[in-house]
Amino acid sequence: MTLSDQQLDRYARHIVLRDIGGAGQSKLLSSHVLLIGAGGIGCPAIQYLAAAGVGTISVVDDDVVSLSNLQRQILYTESDIGTAKVDVAGAAVARLNPDVTFRGLKQRIDSSTAVDILKGVDVVIDGCDNFATRLIVNDLCLAAKVPLVSAAIGQFHGQIGTFTGWQDNAPCYRCFVGDAHDPDDCDDCATQGVLGAMCGLMGSFAAMEAIRAMTGFGEAQMGKLHLFDGMAPAMRTIRLPKDAGCRSCSGLTA
């Protein structure tokens, strides 16, 4: 892809980075990221991906904006209450960067979701709020062989990892959480709370990891889980093993 003069100016701070450069920026402009959820993690991730010039951004979310979202979901304002989140997000992306095509999918991910939803997608960012959806997304990414950046928050803590479980010695998300399930009638944010700024931190981190996966800068992060403690504050990284008996990724090969 040949960058126009306007694009050379817009993305100059990426282009001068040796590990991204013009080739990396061209990759971003021709890439497609799918986000699961336009909530606390999705909002900052969408903004940074759009600003970075990711060519196509798709967002899956069937929710509408509510007043309680505004403490952490920074794409939205009081005037958006009652409006579909994907509609507000699409309008924001259009304002941020005309180079970006936005696709809003007003639906939920469930057991009937076809792997076709990942057709043409280069990276998935999962910022949803329940294990059931996360495990379905994991299986969809495995079937399509699409890297999964999974980010989660709770109270003053956050975690993020990139999963490519179809590769040798690389775990999938199920290798990490097993068959974890959600408590009945439990909304963690509503019952336990979450620091709004933590959403910004982890959403931006997720955008960075998606950009890493698309451009290849720095070290590959497969098999690593980054844990952030906002109370300290401190971050540590742990290695995640591949589960030889994982019912999602065992037996898969690249």
C-alpha atoms as a PDB file:
ATOM      1  CA  MET A   1       0.000   0.000   0.000  1.00  0.00           C
ATOM      2  CA  THR A   2       1.317   3.424  -0.959  1.00  0.00           C
ATOM      3  CA  LEU A   3       0.682   6.050   1.696  1.00  0.00           C
ATOM      4  CA  SER A   4      -0.680   9.406   0.586  1.00  0.00           C
ATOM      5  CA  ASP A   5       0.973  12.655   1.648  1.00  0.00           C
ATOM      6  CA  GLN A   6      -1.833  13.190   4.142  1.00  0.00           C
ATOM      7  CA  GLN A   7      -1.335   9.717   5.595  1.00  0.00           C
ATOM      8  CA  LEU A   8       2.407  10.246   5.817  1.00  0.00           C
ATOM      9  CA  ASP A   9       1.678  13.310   7.915  1.00  0.00           C
ATOM     10  CA  ARG A  10      -1.126  11.750  10.002  1.00  0.00           C
ATOM     11  CA  TYR A  11       0.874   8.636  10.917  1.00  0.00           C
ATOM     12  CA  ALA A  12       4.324  10.248  11.030  1.00  0.00           C
ATOM     13  CA  ARG A  13       4.905   9.318  14.689  1.00  0.00           C
ATOM     14  CA  HIS A  14       4.357   5.647  13.837  1.00  0.00           C
ATOM     15  CA  ILE A  15       6.378   5.778  10.653  1.00  0.00           C
ATOM     16  CA  VAL A  16       9.488   7.118  12.398  1.00  0.00           C
ATOM     17  CA  LEU A  17       9.426   4.181  14.796  1.00  0.00           C
ATOM     18  CA  ARG A  18      12.010   1.759  13.427  1.00  0.00           C
ATOM     19  CA  ASP A  19       9.952  -1.290  14.440  1.00  0.00           C
ATOM     20  CA  ILE A  20       6.809  -0.051  12.665  1.00  0.00           C
ATOM     21  CA  GLY A  21       7.783   2.297   9.854  1.00  0.00           C
ATOM     22  CA  GLY A  22       5.895   2.770   6.639  1.00  0.00           C
ATOM     23  CA  ALA A  23       5.524  -0.963   6.079  1.00  0.00           C
ATOM     24  CA  GLY A  24       3.956  -1.460   9.499  1.00  0.00           C
ATOM     25  CA  GLN A  25       1.594   1.461   9.016  1.00  0.00           C
ATOM     26  CA  SER A  26       0.537   0.040   5.675  1.00  0.00           C
ATOM     27  CA  LYS A  27      -0.215  -3.257   7.414  1.00  0.00           C
ATOM     28  CA  LEU A  28      -2.424  -1.443   9.933  1.00  0.00           C
ATOM     29  CA  LEU A  29      -4.320   0.331   7.154  1.00  0.00           C
ATOM     30  CA  SER A  30      -5.060  -2.996   5.491  1.00  0.00           C
ATOM     31  CA  SER A  31      -5.886  -4.875   8.712  1.00  0.00           C
ATOM     32  CA  HIS A  32      -9.176  -5.778  10.372  1.00  0.00           C
ATOM     33  CA  VAL A  33      -9.724  -5.948  14.135  1.00  0.00           C
ATOM     34  CA  LEU A  34     -12.869  -7.382  15.721  1.00  0.00           C
ATOM     35  CA  LEU A  35     -13.769  -6.237  19.234  1.00  0.00           C
ATOM     36  CA  ILE A  36     -16.108  -8.214  21.465  1.00  0.00           C
ATOM     37  CA  GLY A  37     -17.824  -5.587  23.576  1.00  0.00           C
ATOM     38  CA  ALA A  38     -17.943  -1.791  23.435  1.00  0.00           C
ATOM     39  CA  GLY A  39     -17.721  -1.345  27.194  1.00  0.00           C
ATOM     40  CA  GLY A  40     -14.969  -0.289  29.561  1.00  0.00           C
ATOM     41  CA  ILE A  41     -12.209  -2.090  27.681  1.00  0.00           C
ATOM     42  CA  GLY A  42     -13.676  -1.659  24.212  1.00  0.00           C
ATOM     43  CA  CYS A  43     -14.098   2.124  24.391  1.00  0.00           C
ATOM     44  CA  PRO A  44     -10.412   3.113  24.727  1.00  0.00           C
ATOM     45  CA  ALA A  45      -9.329   0.248  22.468  1.00  0.00           C
ATOM     46  CA  ILE A  46     -11.632   1.476  19.702  1.00  0.00           C
ATOM     47  CA  GLN A  47     -10.265   5.011  20.000  1.00  0.00           C
ATOM     48  CA  TYR A  48      -6.608   4.007  19.844  1.00  0.00           C
ATOM     49  CA  LEU A  49      -7.150   1.536  17.003  1.00  0.00           C
ATOM     50  CA  ALA A  50      -8.983   4.184  15.001  1.00  0.00           C
ATOM     51  CA  ALA A  51      -6.293   6.771  15.686  1.00  0.00           C
ATOM     52  CA  ALA A  52      -3.646   4.222  14.667  1.00  0.00           C
ATOM     53  CA  GLY A  53      -5.289   3.806  11.270  1.00  0.00           C
ATOM     54  CA  VAL A  54      -6.493   0.213  11.523  1.00  0.00           C
ATOM     55  CA  GLY A  55      -8.343  -0.134   8.223  1.00  0.00           C
ATOM     56  CA  THR A  56     -11.443  -1.943   9.467  1.00  0.00           C
ATOM     57  CA  ILE A  57     -12.810  -2.049  13.001  1.00  0.00           C
ATOM     58  CA  SER A  58     -15.754  -4.313  13.753  1.00  0.00           C
ATOM     59  CA  VAL A  59     -17.524  -4.262  17.108  1.00  0.00           C
ATOM     60  CA  VAL A  60     -19.977  -6.832  18.448  1.00  0.00           C
ATOM     61  CA  ASP A  61     -22.299  -5.459  21.139  1.00  0.00           C
ATOM     62  CA  ASP A  62     -26.081  -5.563  21.566  1.00  0.00           C
ATOM     63  CA  ASP A  63     -26.268  -3.153  24.518  1.00  0.00           C
ATOM     64  CA  VAL A  64     -27.416   0.460  24.772  1.00  0.00           C
ATOM     65  CA  VAL A  65     -25.716   3.250  26.694  1.00  0.00           C
ATOM     66  CA  SER A  66     -26.857   3.713  30.288  1.00  0.00           C
ATOM     67  CA  LEU A  67     -26.008   6.341  32.886  1.00  0.00           C
ATOM     68  CA  SER A  68     -23.969   3.874  34.963  1.00  0.00           C
ATOM     69  CA  ASN A  69     -21.670   3.274  31.957  1.00  0.00           C
ATOM     70  CA  LEU A  70     -20.375   6.841  31.891  1.00  0.00           C
ATOM     71  CA  GLN A  71     -17.992   6.439  34.835  1.00  0.00           C
ATOM     72  CA  ARG A  72     -15.677   4.281  32.711  1.00  0.00           C
ATOM     73  CA  GLN A  73     -16.944   3.953  29.119  1.00  0.00           C
ATOM     74  CA  ILE A  74     -15.404   7.095  27.721  1.00  0.00           C
ATOM     75  CA  LEU A  75     -16.904   7.063  24.218  1.00  0.00           C
ATOM     76  CA  TYR A  76     -20.324   7.932  25.604  1.00  0.00           C
ATOM     77  CA  THR A  77     -22.048  10.976  27.076  1.00  0.00           C
ATOM     78  CA  GLU A  78     -25.426  11.613  28.705  1.00  0.00           C
ATOM     79  CA  SER A  79     -26.889  12.520  25.315  1.00  0.00           C
ATOM     80  CA  ASP A  80     -26.146   8.933  24.159  1.00  0.00           C
ATOM     81  CA  ILE A  81     -28.204   7.234  26.877  1.00  0.00           C
ATOM     82  CA  GLY A  82     -30.588   4.752  25.295  1.00  0.00           C
ATOM     83  CA  THR A  83     -28.649   4.634  22.017  1.00  0.00           C
ATOM     84  CA  ALA A  84     -26.994   1.431  20.783  1.00  0.00           C
ATOM     85  CA  LYS A  85     -23.331   1.418  21.758  1.00  0.00           C
ATOM     86  CA  VAL A  86     -22.201   0.301  18.313  1.00  0.00           C
ATOM     87  CA  ASP A  87     -23.994   3.278  16.751  1.00  0.00           C
ATOM     88  CA  VAL A  88     -22.260   5.745  19.057  1.00  0.00           C
ATOM     89  CA  ALA A  89     -18.918   3.992  18.565  1.00  0.00           C
ATOM     90  CA  GLY A  90     -19.311   4.102  14.783  1.00  0.00           C
ATOM     91  CA  ALA A  91     -19.982   7.825  14.830  1.00  0.00           C
ATOM     92  CA  ALA A  92     -16.929   8.366  17.054  1.00  0.00           C
ATOM     93  CA  VAL A  93     -14.668   6.388  14.723  1.00  0.00           C
ATOM     94  CA  ALA A  94     -15.927   8.400  11.750  1.00  0.00           C
ATOM     95  CA  ARG A  95     -14.976  11.602  13.581  1.00  0.00           C
ATOM     96  CA  LEU A  96     -11.580  10.262  14.615  1.00  0.00           C
ATOM     97  CA  ASN A  97     -10.290   8.948  11.306  1.00  0.00           C
ATOM     98  CA  PRO A  98     -11.811   8.891   7.803  1.00  0.00           C
ATOM     99  CA  ASP A  99      -9.318   6.162   6.815  1.00  0.00           C
ATOM    100  CA  VAL A 100     -11.162   3.636   9.009  1.00  0.00           C
ATOM    101  CA  THR A 101     -14.181   1.553   8.032  1.00  0.00           C
ATOM    102  CA  PHE A 102     -16.435   0.689  10.976  1.00  0.00           C
ATOM    103  CA  ARG A 103     -18.777  -2.293  11.197  1.00  0.00           C
ATOM    104  CA  GLY A 104     -21.230  -2.440  14.085  1.00  0.00           C
ATOM    105  CA  LEU A 105     -22.792  -5.832  14.840  1.00  0.00           C
ATOM    106  CA  LYS A 106     -25.804  -5.509  17.160  1.00  0.00           C
ATOM    107  CA  GLN A 107     -25.774  -9.053  18.430  1.00  0.00           C
ATOM    108  CA  ARG A 108     -24.468 -11.306  21.163  1.00  0.00           C
ATOM    109  CA  ILE A 109     -21.860 -14.000  20.774  1.00  0.00           C
ATOM    110  CA  ASP A 110     -23.385 -17.350  21.704  1.00  0.00           C
ATOM    111  CA  SER A 111     -23.117 -21.045  20.843  1.00  0.00           C
ATOM    112  CA  SER A 112     -24.882 -20.459  17.513  1.00  0.00           C
ATOM    113  CA  THR A 113     -22.362 -17.848  16.320  1.00  0.00           C
ATOM    114  CA  ALA A 114     -20.674 -19.048  13.137  1.00  0.00           C
ATOM    115  CA  VAL A 115     -16.937 -18.843  12.596  1.00  0.00           C
ATOM    116  CA  ASP A 116     -17.753 -16.721   9.516  1.00  0.00           C
ATOM    117  CA  ILE A 117     -17.907 -13.753  11.890  1.00  0.00           C
ATOM    118  CA  LEU A 118     -14.087 -13.845  11.798  1.00  0.00           C
ATOM    119  CA  LYS A 119     -13.815 -13.891   8.008  1.00  0.00           C
ATOM    120  CA  GLY A 120     -11.103 -11.421   7.008  1.00  0.00           C
ATOM    121  CA  VAL A 121     -10.303 -10.561  10.654  1.00  0.00           C
ATOM    122  CA  ASP A 122      -6.619 -10.332  11.646  1.00  0.00           C
ATOM    123  CA  VAL A 123      -6.953  -9.950  15.436  1.00  0.00           C
ATOM    124  CA  VAL A 124      -9.776 -10.262  17.961  1.00  0.00           C
ATOM    125  CA  ILE A 125      -9.911  -8.200  21.164  1.00  0.00           C
ATOM    126  CA  ASP A 126     -12.229  -9.682  23.769  1.00  0.00           C
ATOM    127  CA  GLY A 127     -13.289  -7.274  26.488  1.00  0.00           C
ATOM    128  CA  CYS A 128     -16.596  -8.899  27.409  1.00  0.00           C
ATOM    129  CA  ASP A 129     -17.746  -9.485  30.976  1.00  0.00           C
ATOM    130  CA  ASN A 130     -18.409 -13.228  31.245  1.00  0.00           C
ATOM    131  CA  PHE A 131     -16.612 -16.557  30.898  1.00  0.00           C
ATOM    132  CA  ALA A 132     -19.293 -18.140  28.720  1.00  0.00           C
ATOM    133  CA  THR A 133     -18.771 -15.611  25.928  1.00  0.00           C
ATOM    134  CA  ARG A 134     -14.995 -15.589  26.353  1.00  0.00           C
ATOM    135  CA  LEU A 135     -14.791 -19.353  25.896  1.00  0.00           C
ATOM    136  CA  ILE A 136     -16.993 -19.232  22.792  1.00  0.00           C
ATOM    137  CA  VAL A 137     -14.795 -16.475  21.342  1.00  0.00           C
ATOM    138  CA  ASN A 138     -11.734 -18.572  22.161  1.00  0.00           C
ATOM    139  CA  ASP A 139     -13.111 -21.507  20.187  1.00  0.00           C
ATOM    140  CA  LEU A 140     -14.046 -19.268  17.250  1.00  0.00           C
ATOM    141  CA  CYS A 141     -10.515 -17.842  17.163  1.00  0.00           C
ATOM    142  CA  LEU A 142      -9.001 -21.317  17.304  1.00  0.00           C
ATOM    143  CA  ALA A 143     -11.160 -22.506  14.401  1.00  0.00           C
ATOM    144  CA  ALA A 144     -10.223 -19.460  12.308  1.00  0.00           C
ATOM    145  CA  LYS A 145      -6.592 -19.359  13.544  1.00  0.00           C
ATOM    146  CA  VAL A 146      -6.941 -15.694  14.510  1.00  0.00           C
ATOM    147  CA  PRO A 147      -4.919 -14.284  17.462  1.00  0.00           C
ATOM    148  CA  LEU A 148      -7.047 -13.495  20.505  1.00  0.00           C
ATOM    149  CA  VAL A 149      -6.173 -10.594  22.800  1.00  0.00           C
ATOM    150  CA  SER A 150      -8.171 -11.150  25.975  1.00  0.00           C
ATOM    151  CA  ALA A 151      -8.405  -8.362  28.559  1.00  0.00           C
ATOM    152  CA  ALA A 152     -10.287  -8.309  31.852  1.00  0.00           C
ATOM    153  CA  ILE A 153     -10.734  -5.962  34.787  1.00  0.00           C
ATOM    154  CA  GLY A 154     -12.129  -6.138  38.284  1.00  0.00           C
ATOM    155  CA  GLN A 155     -12.068  -3.526  41.031  1.00  0.00           C
ATOM    156  CA  PHE A 156      -8.444  -2.240  41.006  1.00  0.00           C
ATOM    157  CA  HIS A 157      -6.951  -5.068  38.948  1.00  0.00           C
ATOM    158  CA  GLY A 158      -6.511  -5.933  35.294  1.00  0.00           C
ATOM    159  CA  GLN A 159      -5.098  -8.748  33.210  1.00  0.00           C
ATOM    160  CA  ILE A 160      -4.308  -9.270  29.555  1.00  0.00           C
ATOM    161  CA  GLY A 161      -2.926 -12.032  27.379  1.00  0.00           C
ATOM    162  CA  THR A 162      -2.576 -12.960  23.711  1.00  0.00           C
ATOM    163  CA  PHE A 163      -3.696 -16.491  22.841  1.00  0.00           C
ATOM    164  CA  THR A 164      -2.817 -18.541  19.732  1.00  0.00           C
ATOM    165  CA  GLY A 165      -3.645 -22.031  20.901  1.00  0.00           C
ATOM    166  CA  TRP A 166      -3.469 -23.661  17.461  1.00  0.00           C
ATOM    167  CA  GLN A 167       0.308 -23.171  17.578  1.00  0.00           C
ATOM    168  CA  ASP A 168       2.697 -25.673  19.181  1.00  0.00           C
ATOM    169  CA  ASN A 169       3.427 -24.836  22.828  1.00  0.00           C
ATOM    170  CA  ALA A 170       1.036 -21.845  22.762  1.00  0.00           C
ATOM    171  CA  PRO A 171      -1.939 -21.986  25.164  1.00  0.00           C
ATOM    172  CA  CYS A 172      -5.476 -20.975  24.313  1.00  0.00           C
ATOM    173  CA  TYR A 173      -7.763 -19.090  26.679  1.00  0.00           C
ATOM    174  CA  ARG A 174      -9.344 -22.328  27.926  1.00  0.00           C
ATOM    175  CA  CYS A 175      -5.874 -23.616  28.861  1.00  0.00           C
ATOM    176  CA  PHE A 176      -5.802 -20.644  31.243  1.00  0.00           C
ATOM    177  CA  VAL A 177      -9.298 -20.735  32.784  1.00  0.00           C
ATOM    178  CA  GLY A 178     -10.427 -24.317  32.105  1.00  0.00           C
ATOM    179  CA  ASP A 179     -14.188 -24.691  32.148  1.00  0.00           C
ATOM    180  CA  ALA A 180     -14.735 -21.603  34.279  1.00  0.00           C
ATOM    181  CA  HIS A 181     -18.355 -20.523  34.600  1.00  0.00           C
ATOM    182  CA  ASP A 182     -20.121 -17.397  35.748  1.00  0.00           C
ATOM    183  CA  PRO A 183     -22.103 -17.184  39.005  1.00  0.00           C
ATOM    184  CA  ASP A 184     -25.846 -16.974  38.474  1.00  0.00           C
ATOM    185  CA  ASP A 185     -27.243 -13.441  38.303  1.00  0.00           C
ATOM    186  CA  CYS A 186     -23.923 -11.801  39.010  1.00  0.00           C
ATOM    187  CA  ASP A 187     -22.721  -8.563  37.414  1.00  0.00           C
ATOM    188  CA  ASP A 188     -19.174  -8.109  38.718  1.00  0.00           C
ATOM    189  CA  CYS A 189     -18.967  -4.392  37.904  1.00  0.00           C
ATOM    190  CA  ALA A 190     -22.307  -3.671  39.553  1.00  0.00           C
ATOM    191  CA  THR A 191     -21.703  -5.733  42.679  1.00  0.00           C
ATOM    192  CA  GLN A 192     -17.954  -5.319  43.196  1.00  0.00           C
ATOM    193  CA  GLY A 193     -17.159  -2.053  41.415  1.00  0.00           C
ATOM    194  CA  VAL A 194     -14.340  -1.130  39.072  1.00  0.00           C
ATOM    195  CA  LEU A 195     -11.934   1.798  38.915  1.00  0.00           C
ATOM    196  CA  GLY A 196     -12.808   3.667  35.742  1.00  0.00           C
ATOM    197  CA  ALA A 197      -9.210   4.540  34.903  1.00  0.00           C
ATOM    198  CA  MET A 198      -8.293   0.833  35.056  1.00  0.00           C
ATOM    199  CA  CYS A 199     -10.549   0.306  32.038  1.00  0.00           C
ATOM    200  CA  GLY A 200      -8.570   2.934  30.147  1.00  0.00           C
ATOM    201  CA  LEU A 201      -5.308   1.266  31.065  1.00  0.00           C
ATOM    202  CA  MET A 202      -6.344  -2.227  29.988  1.00  0.00           C
ATOM    203  CA  GLY A 203      -8.206  -1.063  26.894  1.00  0.00           C
ATOM    204  CA  SER A 204      -5.146   0.841  25.713  1.00  0.00           C
ATOM    205  CA  PHE A 205      -2.978  -2.184  26.526  1.00  0.00           C
ATOM    206  CA  ALA A 206      -5.310  -4.362  24.434  1.00  0.00           C
ATOM    207  CA  ALA A 207      -5.018  -1.962  21.494  1.00  0.00           C
ATOM    208  CA  MET A 208      -1.227  -2.058  21.808  1.00  0.00           C
ATOM    209  CA  GLU A 209      -1.207  -5.872  21.795  1.00  0.00           C
ATOM    210  CA  ALA A 210      -3.453  -5.959  18.733  1.00  0.00           C
ATOM    211  CA  ILE A 211      -1.106  -3.543  16.961  1.00  0.00           C
ATOM    212  CA  ARG A 212       1.837  -5.740  18.018  1.00  0.00           C
ATOM    213  CA  ALA A 213       0.140  -8.788  16.501  1.00  0.00           C
ATOM    214  CA  MET A 214      -0.522  -6.957  13.237  1.00  0.00           C
ATOM    215  CA  THR A 215       2.871  -5.284  12.794  1.00  0.00           C
ATOM    216  CA  GLY A 216       5.191  -7.667  14.655  1.00  0.00           C
ATOM    217  CA  PHE A 217       7.007  -5.053  16.733  1.00  0.00           C
ATOM    218  CA  GLY A 218       8.790  -6.164  19.892  1.00  0.00           C
ATOM    219  CA  GLU A 219       8.591  -9.615  21.452  1.00  0.00           C
ATOM    220  CA  ALA A 220       5.795 -12.061  20.727  1.00  0.00           C
ATOM    221  CA  GLN A 221       3.491 -12.300  23.741  1.00  0.00           C
ATOM    222  CA  MET A 222       1.926 -15.716  23.218  1.00  0.00           C
ATOM    223  CA  GLY A 223       1.851 -17.719  26.437  1.00  0.00           C
ATOM    224  CA  LYS A 224       2.280 -14.686  28.692  1.00  0.00           C
ATOM    225  CA  LEU A 225      -0.297 -13.178  31.041  1.00  0.00           C
ATOM    226  CA  HIS A 226       0.244  -9.636  32.274  1.00  0.00           C
ATOM    227  CA  LEU A 227      -1.308  -8.827  35.647  1.00  0.00           C
ATOM    228  CA  PHE A 228      -1.715  -5.241  36.826  1.00  0.00           C
ATOM    229  CA  ASP A 229      -2.380  -4.361  40.462  1.00  0.00           C
ATOM    230  CA  GLY A 230      -3.678  -0.820  40.670  1.00  0.00           C
ATOM    231  CA  MET A 231      -3.527  -0.759  44.454  1.00  0.00           C
ATOM    232  CA  ALA A 232       0.290  -1.048  44.569  1.00  0.00           C
ATOM    233  CA  PRO A 233       0.643  -0.107  41.636  1.00  0.00           C
ATOM    234  CA  ALA A 234       2.683  -2.882  40.074  1.00  0.00           C
ATOM    235  CA  MET A 235       2.652  -5.218  37.088  1.00  0.00           C
ATOM    236  CA  ARG A 236       3.966  -8.734  36.801  1.00  0.00           C
ATOM    237  CA  THR A 237       4.033 -11.260  33.986  1.00  0.00           C
ATOM    238  CA  ILE A 238       3.530 -15.004  34.321  1.00  0.00           C
ATOM    239  CA  ARG A 239       3.984 -17.828  31.826  1.00  0.00           C
ATOM    240  CA  LEU A 240       0.925 -19.876  30.922  1.00  0.00           C
ATOM    241  CA  PRO A 241       1.484 -23.519  29.952  1.00  0.00           C
ATOM    242  CA  LYS A 242      -0.377 -25.259  27.172  1.00  0.00           C
ATOM    243  CA  ASP A 243      -2.796 -27.820  28.601  1.00  0.00           C
ATOM    244  CA  ALA A 244      -2.209 -31.101  26.786  1.00  0.00           C
ATOM    245  CA  GLY A 245      -5.728 -32.169  27.747  1.00  0.00           C
ATOM    246  CA  CYS A 246      -7.479 -28.920  26.780  1.00  0.00           C
ATOM    247  CA  ARG A 247     -10.719 -29.768  25.013  1.00  0.00           C
ATOM    248  CA  SER A 248     -10.437 -26.637  22.860  1.00  0.00           C
ATOM    249  CA  CYS A 249      -6.892 -26.701  21.507  1.00  0.00           C
ATOM    250  CA  SER A 250      -5.354 -30.115  22.181  1.00  0.00           C
ATOM    251  CA  GLY A 251      -4.541 -31.788  18.892  1.00  0.00           C
ATOM    252  CA  LEU A 252      -4.595 -28.566  16.880  1.00  0.00           C
ATOM    253  CA  THR A 253      -1.507 -27.659  14.894  1.00  0.00           C
ATOM    254  CA  ALA A 254      -0.502 -24.599  12.924  1.00  0.00           C
END
